[in-house]
Protein backbone atom coordinates (compact mmCIF):
# COMPACT_ATOMS: atom_id res chain seq x y z
CA MET A 1 104.65 -77.56 -19.29
CA VAL A 2 102.37 -74.75 -20.83
CA GLU A 3 101.36 -73.43 -17.47
CA THR A 4 104.95 -72.33 -16.43
CA PRO A 5 105.56 -69.87 -19.46
CA LYS A 6 102.03 -68.67 -18.77
CA LEU A 7 102.60 -67.98 -15.26
CA VAL A 8 105.79 -66.02 -16.07
CA TYR A 9 104.00 -64.12 -18.35
CA VAL A 10 100.87 -63.36 -16.31
CA PHE A 11 103.31 -62.12 -13.72
CA ILE A 12 105.40 -59.87 -15.89
CA LEU A 13 102.16 -58.49 -17.28
CA PHE A 14 100.87 -57.54 -13.94
CA LEU A 15 104.26 -56.73 -12.58
CA SER A 16 104.64 -53.98 -15.76
CA ILE A 17 101.11 -52.53 -14.92
CA PHE A 18 101.74 -51.87 -11.38
CA LEU A 19 105.39 -50.30 -12.39
CA CYS A 20 103.51 -47.86 -15.14
CA ILE A 21 100.98 -46.81 -12.14
CA ILE A 22 103.95 -46.20 -9.73
CA VAL A 23 106.10 -44.20 -12.50
CA SER A 24 103.01 -42.06 -13.86
CA ASN A 25 101.62 -41.10 -10.40
CA SER A 26 105.10 -40.26 -9.05
CA SER A 27 105.83 -37.94 -12.03
CA PHE A 28 102.63 -35.81 -11.98
CA SER A 29 102.09 -35.61 -8.16
CA LYS A 30 104.75 -32.89 -7.73
CA THR A 31 104.31 -29.66 -5.55
CA PHE A 32 106.58 -26.87 -6.65
CA ASP A 33 108.53 -25.04 -4.25
CA ARG A 34 107.48 -21.78 -5.33
CA ALA A 35 105.03 -19.16 -4.01
CA CYS A 36 102.31 -17.66 -6.05
CA LYS A 37 99.47 -15.35 -6.32
CA THR A 38 98.00 -16.07 -9.59
CA ASP A 39 98.39 -18.97 -11.88
CA LYS A 40 100.55 -17.00 -14.36
CA ASP A 41 103.09 -17.25 -11.62
CA CYS A 42 103.46 -21.03 -12.04
CA PRO A 43 105.79 -22.64 -14.50
CA LYS A 44 104.50 -23.90 -17.82
CA LEU A 45 105.01 -27.60 -18.27
CA ARG A 46 104.25 -29.33 -21.29
CA GLY A 47 101.49 -32.10 -20.73
CA VAL A 48 100.93 -30.90 -16.92
CA ASN A 49 98.35 -28.39 -15.57
CA VAL A 50 100.10 -26.63 -13.12
CA ARG A 51 97.79 -24.04 -11.09
CA CYS A 52 98.44 -21.80 -7.88
CA ARG A 53 96.26 -23.01 -4.97
CA LYS A 54 96.98 -21.86 -1.54
CA ASP A 55 99.88 -19.95 -2.41
CA GLN A 56 101.87 -22.79 -3.88
CA CYS A 57 102.06 -24.23 -7.23
CA VAL A 58 100.37 -27.64 -7.93
CA THR A 59 99.67 -29.96 -10.64
CA VAL A 60 96.08 -30.49 -11.29
């Protein structure tokens, strides 16, 4: 009787971990459609380092 709620709890726990990984990777793996020559040409975002690499703004 106890195994069923425990199985559901473990399933929800692993599902939430994978969901957090998917959301965090998708929000920080953006490339910006801005041409740049220096790092100062890229937008400043709070909590994210945006640098100029190969004439494109990318998150580092």
